[in-house]
């Protein structure tokens, strides 16, 4: 059983036929949200073609929900696929992480910093 399937309904801020959205329980920034598949899929590569296409719309919806409450200056979109990529919950979820001017001294490189020493080139 996936921990995501045990999330109380009152934490869900959006839901449709394929995905639901919650605020991350351990946010890295204000507004950090998760888009989670309704059906148990291990990661992005396990989504159906229909789900993959629809995900684009849900990412946009998630962005709108964040911007109703927060005023970010940018975003990181992240999906960890597999244990060696840092995935710990094996139920598809996409992080939409709002970024704010000054939240890091030097944000250049973004997700490239997930592998030590590879962010700067």
PDB file of N, CA and C in Angstrom:
ATOM      1  N   UNK A   1       0.847  -1.188   0.000  1.00  0.00           N
ATOM      2  CA  UNK A   1       0.000   0.000   0.000  1.00  0.00           C
ATOM      3  C   UNK A   1       0.890   1.247   0.000  1.00  0.00           C
ATOM      4  N   UNK A   2       0.548   2.204  -0.797  1.00  0.00           N
ATOM      5  CA  UNK A   2       1.294   3.453  -0.887  1.00  0.00           C
ATOM      6  C   UNK A   2       0.846   4.434   0.195  1.00  0.00           C
ATOM      7  N   UNK A   3       1.805   5.112   0.804  1.00  0.00           N
ATOM      8  CA  UNK A   3       1.461   6.139   1.797  1.00  0.00           C
ATOM      9  C   UNK A   3       0.639   7.254   1.162  1.00  0.00           C
ATOM     10  N   UNK A   4       0.810   7.469  -0.126  1.00  0.00           N
ATOM     11  CA  UNK A   4       0.051   8.518  -0.806  1.00  0.00           C
ATOM     12  C   UNK A   4      -1.437   8.176  -0.909  1.00  0.00           C
ATOM     13  N   UNK A   5      -1.768   6.903  -0.890  1.00  0.00           N
ATOM     14  CA  UNK A   5      -3.173   6.511  -0.955  1.00  0.00           C
ATOM     15  C   UNK A   5      -3.863   6.641   0.400  1.00  0.00           C
ATOM     16  N   UNK A   6      -3.083   6.943   1.434  1.00  0.00           N
ATOM     17  CA  UNK A   6      -3.620   7.125   2.786  1.00  0.00           C
ATOM     18  C   UNK A   6      -3.733   8.597   3.169  1.00  0.00           C
ATOM     19  N   UNK A   7      -3.462   9.493   2.234  1.00  0.00           N
ATOM     20  CA  UNK A   7      -3.525  10.935   2.522  1.00  0.00           C
ATOM     21  C   UNK A   7      -4.969  11.338   2.784  1.00  0.00           C
ATOM     22  N   UNK A   8      -5.217  12.039   3.889  1.00  0.00           N
ATOM     23  CA  UNK A   8      -6.590  12.484   4.172  1.00  0.00           C
ATOM     24  C   UNK A   8      -7.101  13.417   3.069  1.00  0.00           C
ATOM     25  N   UNK A   9      -8.364  13.277   2.738  1.00  0.00           N
ATOM     26  CA  UNK A   9      -8.979  14.070   1.665  1.00  0.00           C
ATOM     27  C   UNK A   9      -8.850  15.566   1.915  1.00  0.00           C
ATOM     28  N   UNK A  10      -8.812  15.996   3.171  1.00  0.00           N
ATOM     29  CA  UNK A  10      -8.737  17.433   3.447  1.00  0.00           C
ATOM     30  C   UNK A  10      -7.372  18.037   3.109  1.00  0.00           C
ATOM     31  N   UNK A  11      -6.378  17.205   2.818  1.00  0.00           N
ATOM     32  CA  UNK A  11      -5.066  17.708   2.381  1.00  0.00           C
ATOM     33  C   UNK A  11      -5.011  17.911   0.871  1.00  0.00           C
ATOM     34  N   UNK A  12      -5.961  17.342   0.147  1.00  0.00           N
ATOM     35  CA  UNK A  12      -5.970  17.416  -1.313  1.00  0.00           C
ATOM     36  C   UNK A  12      -6.519  18.777  -1.740  1.00  0.00           C
ATOM     37  N   UNK A  13      -5.713  19.513  -2.529  1.00  0.00           N
ATOM     38  CA  UNK A  13      -6.132  20.845  -2.975  1.00  0.00           C
ATOM     39  C   UNK A  13      -6.673  20.833  -4.406  1.00  0.00           C
ATOM     40  N   UNK A  14      -6.495  19.721  -5.104  1.00  0.00           N
ATOM     41  CA  UNK A  14      -7.030  19.555  -6.461  1.00  0.00           C
ATOM     42  C   UNK A  14      -7.046  18.063  -6.770  1.00  0.00           C
ATOM     43  N   UNK A  15      -8.042  17.632  -7.535  1.00  0.00           N
ATOM     44  CA  UNK A  15      -8.095  16.237  -7.962  1.00  0.00           C
ATOM     45  C   UNK A  15      -8.864  16.149  -9.275  1.00  0.00           C
ATOM     46  N   UNK A  16      -8.399  15.277 -10.171  1.00  0.00           N
ATOM     47  CA  UNK A  16      -9.136  14.984 -11.400  1.00  0.00           C
ATOM     48  C   UNK A  16      -9.077  13.478 -11.636  1.00  0.00           C
ATOM     49  N   UNK A  17      -9.353  13.036 -12.839  1.00  0.00           N
ATOM     50  CA  UNK A  17      -9.417  11.599 -13.120  1.00  0.00           C
ATOM     51  C   UNK A  17      -8.072  10.876 -13.021  1.00  0.00           C
ATOM     52  N   UNK A  18      -6.960  11.621 -13.134  1.00  0.00           N
ATOM     53  CA  UNK A  18      -5.645  10.973 -13.190  1.00  0.00           C
ATOM     54  C   UNK A  18      -4.703  11.330 -12.040  1.00  0.00           C
ATOM     55  N   UNK A  19      -4.842  12.531 -11.490  1.00  0.00           N
ATOM     56  CA  UNK A  19      -3.886  13.026 -10.495  1.00  0.00           C
ATOM     57  C   UNK A  19      -4.585  13.800  -9.390  1.00  0.00           C
ATOM     58  N   UNK A  20      -3.874  13.946  -8.271  1.00  0.00           N
ATOM     59  CA  UNK A  20      -4.307  14.880  -7.243  1.00  0.00           C
ATOM     60  C   UNK A  20      -3.089  15.669  -6.770  1.00  0.00           C
ATOM     61  N   UNK A  21      -3.354  16.808  -6.153  1.00  0.00           N
ATOM     62  CA  UNK A  21      -2.290  17.718  -5.719  1.00  0.00           C
ATOM     63  C   UNK A  21      -2.429  17.961  -4.220  1.00  0.00           C
ATOM     64  N   UNK A  22      -1.275  17.928  -3.542  1.00  0.00           N
ATOM     65  CA  UNK A  22      -1.199  18.299  -2.132  1.00  0.00           C
ATOM     66  C   UNK A  22      -0.003  19.226  -1.943  1.00  0.00           C
ATOM     67  N   UNK A  23       0.020  19.948  -0.845  1.00  0.00           N
ATOM     68  CA  UNK A  23       1.230  20.657  -0.448  1.00  0.00           C
ATOM     69  C   UNK A  23       2.159  19.617   0.177  1.00  0.00           C
ATOM     70  N   UNK A  24       3.447  19.719  -0.127  1.00  0.00           N
ATOM     71  CA  UNK A  24       4.428  18.785   0.411  1.00  0.00           C
ATOM     72  C   UNK A  24       4.451  18.891   1.935  1.00  0.00           C
ATOM     73  N   UNK A  25       4.475  17.745   2.599  1.00  0.00           N
ATOM     74  CA  UNK A  25       4.505  17.705   4.068  1.00  0.00           C
ATOM     75  C   UNK A  25       5.820  18.253   4.621  1.00  0.00           C
ATOM     76  N   UNK A  26       6.881  18.162   3.832  1.00  0.00           N
ATOM     77  CA  UNK A  26       8.211  18.654   4.232  1.00  0.00           C
ATOM     78  C   UNK A  26       8.723  19.605   3.148  1.00  0.00           C
ATOM     79  N   UNK A  27       8.094  20.769   3.001  1.00  0.00           N
ATOM     80  CA  UNK A  27       8.415  21.661   1.875  1.00  0.00           C
ATOM     81  C   UNK A  27       9.834  22.214   1.936  1.00  0.00           C
ATOM     82  N   UNK A  28      10.451  22.338   0.774  1.00  0.00           N
ATOM     83  CA  UNK A  28      11.765  22.979   0.695  1.00  0.00           C
ATOM     84  C   UNK A  28      11.616  24.480   0.452  1.00  0.00           C
ATOM     85  N   UNK A  29      10.404  24.915   0.109  1.00  0.00           N
ATOM     86  CA  UNK A  29      10.109  26.340  -0.036  1.00  0.00           C
ATOM     87  C   UNK A  29       8.603  26.527   0.153  1.00  0.00           C
ATOM     88  N   UNK A  30       8.169  27.745   0.457  1.00  0.00           N
ATOM     89  CA  UNK A  30       6.741  27.985   0.606  1.00  0.00           C
ATOM     90  C   UNK A  30       5.971  27.672  -0.685  1.00  0.00           C
ATOM     91  N   UNK A  31       4.940  26.836  -0.562  1.00  0.00           N
ATOM     92  CA  UNK A  31       4.130  26.453  -1.717  1.00  0.00           C
ATOM     93  C   UNK A  31       4.535  25.154  -2.379  1.00  0.00           C
ATOM     94  N   UNK A  32       5.649  24.556  -1.975  1.00  0.00           N
ATOM     95  CA  UNK A  32       6.135  23.294  -2.543  1.00  0.00           C
ATOM     96  C   UNK A  32       4.973  22.290  -2.571  1.00  0.00           C
ATOM     97  N   UNK A  33       4.669  21.785  -3.759  1.00  0.00           N
ATOM     98  CA  UNK A  33       3.505  20.915  -3.938  1.00  0.00           C
ATOM     99  C   UNK A  33       3.887  19.624  -4.643  1.00  0.00           C
ATOM    100  N   UNK A  34       3.049  18.613  -4.453  1.00  0.00           N
ATOM    101  CA  UNK A  34       3.231  17.320  -5.107  1.00  0.00           C
ATOM    102  C   UNK A  34       2.027  17.016  -5.973  1.00  0.00           C
ATOM    103  N   UNK A  35       2.294  16.558  -7.180  1.00  0.00           N
ATOM    104  CA  UNK A  35       1.271  16.034  -8.080  1.00  0.00           C
ATOM    105  C   UNK A  35       1.430  14.518  -8.025  1.00  0.00           C
ATOM    106  N   UNK A  36       0.368  13.807  -7.649  1.00  0.00           N
ATOM    107  CA  UNK A  36       0.438  12.368  -7.385  1.00  0.00           C
ATOM    108  C   UNK A  36      -0.578  11.641  -8.260  1.00  0.00           C
ATOM    109  N   UNK A  37      -0.171  10.517  -8.817  1.00  0.00           N
ATOM    110  CA  UNK A  37      -1.092   9.746  -9.654  1.00  0.00           C
ATOM    111  C   UNK A  37      -2.164   9.074  -8.795  1.00  0.00           C
ATOM    112  N   UNK A  38      -3.396   9.066  -9.297  1.00  0.00           N
ATOM    113  CA  UNK A  38      -4.490   8.388  -8.593  1.00  0.00           C
ATOM    114  C   UNK A  38      -4.265   6.884  -8.565  1.00  0.00           C
ATOM    115  N   UNK A  39      -3.762   6.356  -9.659  1.00  0.00           N
ATOM    116  CA  UNK A  39      -3.458   4.929  -9.738  1.00  0.00           C
ATOM    117  C   UNK A  39      -2.011   4.721  -9.301  1.00  0.00           C
ATOM    118  N   UNK A  40      -1.748   3.615  -8.652  1.00  0.00           N
ATOM    119  CA  UNK A  40      -0.392   3.318  -8.217  1.00  0.00           C
ATOM    120  C   UNK A  40       0.488   3.054  -9.433  1.00  0.00           C
ATOM    121  N   UNK A  41       1.388   3.983  -9.700  1.00  0.00           N
ATOM    122  CA  UNK A  41       2.398   3.856 -10.759  1.00  0.00           C
ATOM    123  C   UNK A  41       3.736   4.114 -10.064  1.00  0.00           C
ATOM    124  N   UNK A  42       4.745   3.347 -10.382  1.00  0.00           N
ATOM    125  CA  UNK A  42       6.000   3.466  -9.641  1.00  0.00           C
ATOM    126  C   UNK A  42       6.707   4.797  -9.868  1.00  0.00           C
ATOM    127  N   UNK A  43       6.698   5.289 -11.102  1.00  0.00           N
ATOM    128  CA  UNK A  43       7.373   6.556 -11.404  1.00  0.00           C
ATOM    129  C   UNK A  43       6.866   7.077 -12.748  1.00  0.00           C
ATOM    130  N   UNK A  44       7.462   8.144 -13.250  1.00  0.00           N
ATOM    131  CA  UNK A  44       7.025   8.763 -14.500  1.00  0.00           C
ATOM    132  C   UNK A  44       6.962   7.753 -15.645  1.00  0.00           C
ATOM    133  N   UNK A  45       7.951   6.882 -15.722  1.00  0.00           N
ATOM    134  CA  UNK A  45       8.038   5.943 -16.832  1.00  0.00           C
ATOM    135  C   UNK A  45       6.982   4.842 -16.770  1.00  0.00           C
ATOM    136  N   UNK A  46       6.305   4.726 -15.642  1.00  0.00           N
ATOM    137  CA  UNK A  46       5.240   3.742 -15.472  1.00  0.00           C
ATOM    138  C   UNK A  46       3.856   4.342 -15.752  1.00  0.00           C
ATOM    139  N   UNK A  47       3.773   5.664 -15.958  1.00  0.00           N
ATOM    140  CA  UNK A  47       2.495   6.298 -16.288  1.00  0.00           C
ATOM    141  C   UNK A  47       2.032   5.839 -17.667  1.00  0.00           C
ATOM    142  N   UNK A  48       0.730   5.823 -17.881  1.00  0.00           N
ATOM    143  CA  UNK A  48       0.209   5.526 -19.211  1.00  0.00           C
ATOM    144  C   UNK A  48       0.479   6.733 -20.118  1.00  0.00           C
ATOM    145  N   UNK A  49       0.367   6.535 -21.411  1.00  0.00           N
ATOM    146  CA  UNK A  49       0.544   7.654 -22.342  1.00  0.00           C
ATOM    147  C   UNK A  49      -0.474   8.764 -22.060  1.00  0.00           C
ATOM    148  N   UNK A  50      -1.696   8.384 -21.761  1.00  0.00           N
ATOM    149  CA  UNK A  50      -2.739   9.364 -21.445  1.00  0.00           C
ATOM    150  C   UNK A  50      -2.351  10.176 -20.215  1.00  0.00           C
ATOM    151  N   UNK A  51      -1.857   9.505 -19.179  1.00  0.00           N
ATOM    152  CA  UNK A  51      -1.442  10.204 -17.953  1.00  0.00           C
ATOM    153  C   UNK A  51      -0.275  11.142 -18.224  1.00  0.00           C
ATOM    154  N   UNK A  52       0.692  10.683 -19.015  1.00  0.00           N
ATOM    155  CA  UNK A  52       1.844  11.536 -19.332  1.00  0.00           C
ATOM    156  C   UNK A  52       1.397  12.806 -20.044  1.00  0.00           C
ATOM    157  N   UNK A  53       0.493  12.685 -20.992  1.00  0.00           N
ATOM    158  CA  UNK A  53       0.001  13.861 -21.712  1.00  0.00           C
ATOM    159  C   UNK A  53      -0.780  14.795 -20.792  1.00  0.00           C
ATOM    160  N   UNK A  54      -1.592  14.223 -19.931  1.00  0.00           N
ATOM    161  CA  UNK A  54      -2.413  15.023 -19.030  1.00  0.00           C
ATOM    162  C   UNK A  54      -1.576  15.706 -17.943  1.00  0.00           C
ATOM    163  N   UNK A  55      -0.446  15.128 -17.600  1.00  0.00           N
ATOM    164  CA  UNK A  55       0.416  15.690 -16.561  1.00  0.00           C
ATOM    165  C   UNK A  55       0.780  17.141 -16.854  1.00  0.00           C
ATOM    166  N   UNK A  56       0.989  17.478 -18.117  1.00  0.00           N
ATOM    167  CA  UNK A  56       1.331  18.852 -18.500  1.00  0.00           C
ATOM    168  C   UNK A  56       0.253  19.827 -18.009  1.00  0.00           C
ATOM    169  N   UNK A  57      -1.001  19.470 -18.197  1.00  0.00           N
ATOM    170  CA  UNK A  57      -2.109  20.318 -17.749  1.00  0.00           C
ATOM    171  C   UNK A  57      -2.141  20.443 -16.227  1.00  0.00           C
ATOM    172  N   UNK A  58      -1.853  19.347 -15.546  1.00  0.00           N
ATOM    173  CA  UNK A  58      -1.915  19.361 -14.086  1.00  0.00           C
ATOM    174  C   UNK A  58      -0.749  20.167 -13.499  1.00  0.00           C
ATOM    175  N   UNK A  59       0.396  20.141 -14.149  1.00  0.00           N
ATOM    176  CA  UNK A  59       1.507  20.988 -13.708  1.00  0.00           C
ATOM    177  C   UNK A  59       1.098  22.463 -13.802  1.00  0.00           C
ATOM    178  N   UNK A  60       0.448  22.838 -14.889  1.00  0.00           N
ATOM    179  CA  UNK A  60      -0.045  24.219 -15.040  1.00  0.00           C
ATOM    180  C   UNK A  60      -1.071  24.561 -13.961  1.00  0.00           C
ATOM    181  N   UNK A  61      -1.983  23.630 -13.667  1.00  0.00           N
ATOM    182  CA  UNK A  61      -2.979  23.840 -12.619  1.00  0.00           C
ATOM    183  C   UNK A  61      -2.297  24.029 -11.268  1.00  0.00           C
ATOM    184  N   UNK A  62      -1.304  23.221 -10.997  1.00  0.00           N
ATOM    185  CA  UNK A  62      -0.558  23.311  -9.747  1.00  0.00           C
ATOM    186  C   UNK A  62       0.124  24.676  -9.624  1.00  0.00           C
ATOM    187  N   UNK A  63       0.701  25.141 -10.705  1.00  0.00           N
ATOM    188  CA  UNK A  63       1.339  26.462 -10.729  1.00  0.00           C
ATOM    189  C   UNK A  63       0.316  27.547 -10.386  1.00  0.00           C
ATOM    190  N   UNK A  64      -0.875  27.464 -10.958  1.00  0.00           N
ATOM    191  CA  UNK A  64      -1.935  28.440 -10.664  1.00  0.00           C
ATOM    192  C   UNK A  64      -2.312  28.413  -9.185  1.00  0.00           C
ATOM    193  N   UNK A  65      -2.420  27.212  -8.618  1.00  0.00           N
ATOM    194  CA  UNK A  65      -2.773  27.091  -7.202  1.00  0.00           C
ATOM    195  C   UNK A  65      -1.693  27.692  -6.304  1.00  0.00           C
ATOM    196  N   UNK A  66      -0.437  27.471  -6.669  1.00  0.00           N
ATOM    197  CA  UNK A  66       0.659  28.053  -5.894  1.00  0.00           C
ATOM    198  C   UNK A  66       0.590  29.572  -5.966  1.00  0.00           C
ATOM    199  N   UNK A  67       0.355  30.097  -7.158  1.00  0.00           N
ATOM    200  CA  UNK A  67       0.383  31.548  -7.348  1.00  0.00           C
ATOM    201  C   UNK A  67      -0.818  32.266  -6.731  1.00  0.00           C
ATOM    202  N   UNK A  68      -1.854  31.546  -6.369  1.00  0.00           N
ATOM    203  CA  UNK A  68      -2.977  32.158  -5.637  1.00  0.00           C
ATOM    204  C   UNK A  68      -2.562  32.546  -4.219  1.00  0.00           C
ATOM    205  N   UNK A  69      -1.585  31.803  -3.674  1.00  0.00           N
ATOM    206  CA  UNK A  69      -1.164  32.000  -2.290  1.00  0.00           C
ATOM    207  C   UNK A  69       0.227  32.599  -2.138  1.00  0.00           C
ATOM    208  N   UNK A  70       1.079  32.358  -3.108  1.00  0.00           N
ATOM    209  CA  UNK A  70       2.484  32.744  -3.015  1.00  0.00           C
ATOM    210  C   UNK A  70       2.877  33.521  -4.270  1.00  0.00           C
ATOM    211  N   UNK A  71       4.027  34.157  -4.224  1.00  0.00           N
ATOM    212  CA  UNK A  71       4.511  34.931  -5.376  1.00  0.00           C
ATOM    213  C   UNK A  71       5.933  34.512  -5.724  1.00  0.00           C
ATOM    214  N   UNK A  72       6.094  33.304  -6.245  1.00  0.00           N
ATOM    215  CA  UNK A  72       7.442  32.838  -6.571  1.00  0.00           C
ATOM    216  C   UNK A  72       8.021  33.562  -7.780  1.00  0.00           C
ATOM    217  N   UNK A  73       9.341  33.507  -7.871  1.00  0.00           N
ATOM    218  CA  UNK A  73      10.060  34.115  -8.989  1.00  0.00           C
ATOM    219  C   UNK A  73      10.472  33.086 -10.036  1.00  0.00           C
ATOM    220  N   UNK A  74      10.321  31.808  -9.715  1.00  0.00           N
ATOM    221  CA  UNK A  74      10.686  30.724 -10.624  1.00  0.00           C
ATOM    222  C   UNK A  74      10.225  29.400 -10.050  1.00  0.00           C
ATOM    223  N   UNK A  75      10.530  28.326 -10.766  1.00  0.00           N
ATOM    224  CA  UNK A  75      10.111  26.978 -10.341  1.00  0.00           C
ATOM    225  C   UNK A  75      11.166  25.949 -10.692  1.00  0.00           C
ATOM    226  N   UNK A  76      11.227  24.898  -9.896  1.00  0.00           N
ATOM    227  CA  UNK A  76      11.886  23.655 -10.273  1.00  0.00           C
ATOM    228  C   UNK A  76      10.795  22.601 -10.356  1.00  0.00           C
ATOM    229  N   UNK A  77      10.844  21.779 -11.402  1.00  0.00           N
ATOM    230  CA  UNK A  77       9.938  20.648 -11.556  1.00  0.00           C
ATOM    231  C   UNK A  77      10.797  19.405 -11.424  1.00  0.00           C
ATOM    232  N   UNK A  78      10.439  18.529 -10.485  1.00  0.00           N
ATOM    233  CA  UNK A  78      11.307  17.382 -10.244  1.00  0.00           C
ATOM    234  C   UNK A  78      10.569  16.076 -10.076  1.00  0.00           C
ATOM    235  N   UNK A  79      11.158  15.021 -10.646  1.00  0.00           N
ATOM    236  CA  UNK A  79      10.649  13.661 -10.495  1.00  0.00           C
ATOM    237  C   UNK A  79      11.846  12.754 -10.256  1.00  0.00           C
ATOM    238  N   UNK A  80      11.822  12.033  -9.154  1.00  0.00           N
ATOM    239  CA  UNK A  80      12.872  11.065  -8.871  1.00  0.00           C
ATOM    240  C   UNK A  80      12.378   9.711  -9.346  1.00  0.00           C
ATOM    241  N   UNK A  81      13.113   9.093 -10.255  1.00  0.00           N
ATOM    242  CA  UNK A  81      12.698   7.821 -10.850  1.00  0.00           C
ATOM    243  C   UNK A  81      13.713   6.749 -10.514  1.00  0.00           C
ATOM    244  N   UNK A  82      13.413   5.965  -9.500  1.00  0.00           N
ATOM    245  CA  UNK A  82      14.298   4.889  -9.073  1.00  0.00           C
ATOM    246  C   UNK A  82      15.076   5.242  -7.817  1.00  0.00           C
ATOM    247  N   UNK A  83      15.432   4.205  -7.093  1.00  0.00           N
ATOM    248  CA  UNK A  83      16.125   4.382  -5.810  1.00  0.00           C
ATOM    249  C   UNK A  83      17.431   5.161  -5.953  1.00  0.00           C
ATOM    250  N   UNK A  84      18.231   4.859  -6.986  1.00  0.00           N
ATOM    251  CA  UNK A  84      19.509   5.556  -7.134  1.00  0.00           C
ATOM    252  C   UNK A  84      19.334   7.020  -7.530  1.00  0.00           C
ATOM    253  N   UNK A  85      18.132   7.380  -7.973  1.00  0.00           N
ATOM    254  CA  UNK A  85      17.828   8.776  -8.285  1.00  0.00           C
ATOM    255  C   UNK A  85      17.229   9.498  -7.079  1.00  0.00           C
ATOM    256  N   UNK A  86      17.160   8.814  -5.947  1.00  0.00           N
ATOM    257  CA  UNK A  86      16.665   9.436  -4.729  1.00  0.00           C
ATOM    258  C   UNK A  86      15.205   9.158  -4.418  1.00  0.00           C
ATOM    259  N   UNK A  87      14.546   8.341  -5.219  1.00  0.00           N
ATOM    260  CA  UNK A  87      13.131   8.050  -4.958  1.00  0.00           C
ATOM    261  C   UNK A  87      13.002   7.203  -3.706  1.00  0.00           C
ATOM    262  N   UNK A  88      12.119   7.626  -2.793  1.00  0.00           N
ATOM    263  CA  UNK A  88      11.883   6.869  -1.559  1.00  0.00           C
ATOM    264  C   UNK A  88      10.443   6.380  -1.450  1.00  0.00           C
ATOM    265  N   UNK A  89       9.527   7.046  -2.140  1.00  0.00           N
ATOM    266  CA  UNK A  89       8.133   6.590  -2.200  1.00  0.00           C
ATOM    267  C   UNK A  89       7.886   6.154  -3.637  1.00  0.00           C
ATOM    268  N   UNK A  90       7.626   4.874  -3.822  1.00  0.00           N
ATOM    269  CA  UNK A  90       7.528   4.314  -5.171  1.00  0.00           C
ATOM    270  C   UNK A  90       6.088   4.358  -5.680  1.00  0.00           C
ATOM    271  N   UNK A  91       5.580   5.576  -5.689  1.00  0.00           N
ATOM    272  CA  UNK A  91       4.265   5.916  -6.233  1.00  0.00           C
ATOM    273  C   UNK A  91       4.500   7.247  -6.931  1.00  0.00           C
ATOM    274  N   UNK A  92       4.156   7.343  -8.222  1.00  0.00           N
ATOM    275  CA  UNK A  92       4.492   8.536  -8.995  1.00  0.00           C
ATOM    276  C   UNK A  92       4.093   9.812  -8.274  1.00  0.00           C
ATOM    277  N   UNK A  93       5.057  10.722  -8.197  1.00  0.00           N
ATOM    278  CA  UNK A  93       4.795  12.073  -7.724  1.00  0.00           C
ATOM    279  C   UNK A  93       5.792  13.020  -8.365  1.00  0.00           C
ATOM    280  N   UNK A  94       5.279  14.181  -8.701  1.00  0.00           N
ATOM    281  CA  UNK A  94       6.066  15.234  -9.333  1.00  0.00           C
ATOM    282  C   UNK A  94       6.103  16.415  -8.371  1.00  0.00           C
ATOM    283  N   UNK A  95       7.303  16.879  -8.068  1.00  0.00           N
ATOM    284  CA  UNK A  95       7.462  18.040  -7.197  1.00  0.00           C
ATOM    285  C   UNK A  95       7.397  19.311  -8.045  1.00  0.00           C
ATOM    286  N   UNK A  96       6.579  20.254  -7.632  1.00  0.00           N
ATOM    287  CA  UNK A  96       6.618  21.593  -8.213  1.00  0.00           C
ATOM    288  C   UNK A  96       7.076  22.495  -7.074  1.00  0.00           C
ATOM    289  N   UNK A  97       8.314  22.953  -7.197  1.00  0.00           N
ATOM    290  CA  UNK A  97       8.962  23.691  -6.117  1.00  0.00           C
ATOM    291  C   UNK A  97       9.115  25.152  -6.516  1.00  0.00           C
ATOM    292  N   UNK A  98       8.374  26.033  -5.846  1.00  0.00           N
ATOM    293  CA  UNK A  98       8.532  27.459  -6.119  1.00  0.00           C
ATOM    294  C   UNK A  98       9.908  27.933  -5.669  1.00  0.00           C
ATOM    295  N   UNK A  99      10.480  28.826  -6.446  1.00  0.00           N
ATOM    296  CA  UNK A  99      11.780  29.403  -6.108  1.00  0.00           C
ATOM    297  C   UNK A  99      11.618  30.907  -5.943  1.00  0.00           C
ATOM    298  N   UNK A 100      12.392  31.448  -5.025  1.00  0.00           N
ATOM    299  CA  UNK A 100      12.284  32.858  -4.673  1.00  0.00           C
ATOM    300  C   UNK A 100      13.643  33.517  -4.777  1.00  0.00           C
ATOM    301  N   UNK A 101      13.654  34.701  -5.357  1.00  0.00           N
ATOM    302  CA  UNK A 101      14.895  35.464  -5.487  1.00  0.00           C
ATOM    303  C   UNK A 101      15.565  35.539  -4.118  1.00  0.00           C
ATOM    304  N   UNK A 102      16.817  35.113  -4.059  1.00  0.00           N
ATOM    305  CA  UNK A 102      17.582  35.144  -2.815  1.00  0.00           C
ATOM    306  C   UNK A 102      17.463  33.889  -1.964  1.00  0.00           C
ATOM    307  N   UNK A 103      16.700  32.871  -2.404  1.00  0.00           N
ATOM    308  CA  UNK A 103      16.588  31.655  -1.581  1.00  0.00           C
ATOM    309  C   UNK A 103      17.879  30.835  -1.582  1.00  0.00           C
ATOM    310  N   UNK A 104      18.741  31.090  -2.554  1.00  0.00           N
ATOM    311  CA  UNK A 104      20.090  30.518  -2.594  1.00  0.00           C
ATOM    312  C   UNK A 104      21.035  31.612  -3.060  1.00  0.00           C
ATOM    313  N   UNK A 105      22.248  31.586  -2.566  1.00  0.00           N
ATOM    314  CA  UNK A 105      23.218  32.598  -2.966  1.00  0.00           C
ATOM    315  C   UNK A 105      23.461  32.559  -4.476  1.00  0.00           C
ATOM    316  N   UNK A 106      23.643  31.354  -5.028  1.00  0.00           N
ATOM    317  CA  UNK A 106      23.890  31.200  -6.461  1.00  0.00           C
ATOM    318  C   UNK A 106      23.082  30.019  -6.987  1.00  0.00           C
ATOM    319  N   UNK A 107      21.891  30.269  -7.530  1.00  0.00           N
ATOM    320  CA  UNK A 107      21.040  29.164  -7.970  1.00  0.00           C
ATOM    321  C   UNK A 107      21.434  28.558  -9.309  1.00  0.00           C
ATOM    322  N   UNK A 108      22.428  29.136  -9.990  1.00  0.00           N
ATOM    323  CA  UNK A 108      22.806  28.612 -11.305  1.00  0.00           C
ATOM    324  C   UNK A 108      23.175  27.137 -11.221  1.00  0.00           C
ATOM    325  N   UNK A 109      22.707  26.386 -12.181  1.00  0.00           N
ATOM    326  CA  UNK A 109      22.957  24.941 -12.200  1.00  0.00           C
ATOM    327  C   UNK A 109      21.752  24.145 -11.744  1.00  0.00           C
ATOM    328  N   UNK A 110      20.884  24.771 -10.930  1.00  0.00           N
ATOM    329  CA  UNK A 110      19.635  24.138 -10.499  1.00  0.00           C
ATOM    330  C   UNK A 110      19.765  22.672 -10.161  1.00  0.00           C
ATOM    331  N   UNK A 111      19.036  21.831 -10.889  1.00  0.00           N
ATOM    332  CA  UNK A 111      19.003  20.407 -10.585  1.00  0.00           C
ATOM    333  C   UNK A 111      20.328  19.699 -10.879  1.00  0.00           C
ATOM    334  N   UNK A 112      21.227  20.347 -11.578  1.00  0.00           N
ATOM    335  CA  UNK A 112      22.537  19.734 -11.829  1.00  0.00           C
ATOM    336  C   UNK A 112      23.284  19.447 -10.534  1.00  0.00           C
ATOM    337  N   UNK A 113      22.909  20.135  -9.462  1.00  0.00           N
ATOM    338  CA  UNK A 113      23.583  19.938  -8.179  1.00  0.00           C
ATOM    339  C   UNK A 113      23.128  18.681  -7.450  1.00  0.00           C
ATOM    340  N   UNK A 114      22.255  17.879  -8.052  1.00  0.00           N
ATOM    341  CA  UNK A 114      21.823  16.650  -7.380  1.00  0.00           C
ATOM    342  C   UNK A 114      22.930  15.592  -7.426  1.00  0.00           C
ATOM    343  N   UNK A 115      23.928  15.757  -8.271  1.00  0.00           N
ATOM    344  CA  UNK A 115      25.096  14.877  -8.279  1.00  0.00           C
ATOM    345  C   UNK A 115      26.301  15.733  -7.905  1.00  0.00           C
ATOM    346  N   UNK A 116      26.931  15.403  -6.801  1.00  0.00           N
ATOM    347  CA  UNK A 116      28.029  16.197  -6.248  1.00  0.00           C
ATOM    348  C   UNK A 116      29.091  16.494  -7.299  1.00  0.00           C
ATOM    349  N   UNK A 117      29.470  17.755  -7.386  1.00  0.00           N
ATOM    350  CA  UNK A 117      30.548  18.168  -8.272  1.00  0.00           C
ATOM    351  C   UNK A 117      30.162  18.385  -9.725  1.00  0.00           C
ATOM    352  N   UNK A 118      28.917  18.153 -10.087  1.00  0.00           N
ATOM    353  CA  UNK A 118      28.493  18.269 -11.476  1.00  0.00           C
ATOM    354  C   UNK A 118      27.756  19.572 -11.782  1.00  0.00           C
ATOM    355  N   UNK A 119      27.438  20.351 -10.748  1.00  0.00           N
ATOM    356  CA  UNK A 119      26.640  21.559 -10.958  1.00  0.00           C
ATOM    357  C   UNK A 119      27.367  22.668 -11.702  1.00  0.00           C
ATOM    358  N   UNK A 120      28.662  22.759 -11.497  1.00  0.00           N
ATOM    359  CA  UNK A 120      29.439  23.831 -12.136  1.00  0.00           C
ATOM    360  C   UNK A 120      30.298  23.225 -13.233  1.00  0.00           C
ATOM    361  N   UNK A 121      30.300  23.874 -14.355  1.00  0.00           N
ATOM    362  CA  UNK A 121      31.103  23.364 -15.490  1.00  0.00           C
ATOM    363  C   UNK A 121      31.655  24.508 -16.285  1.00  0.00           C
TER     364      UNK A 121
END
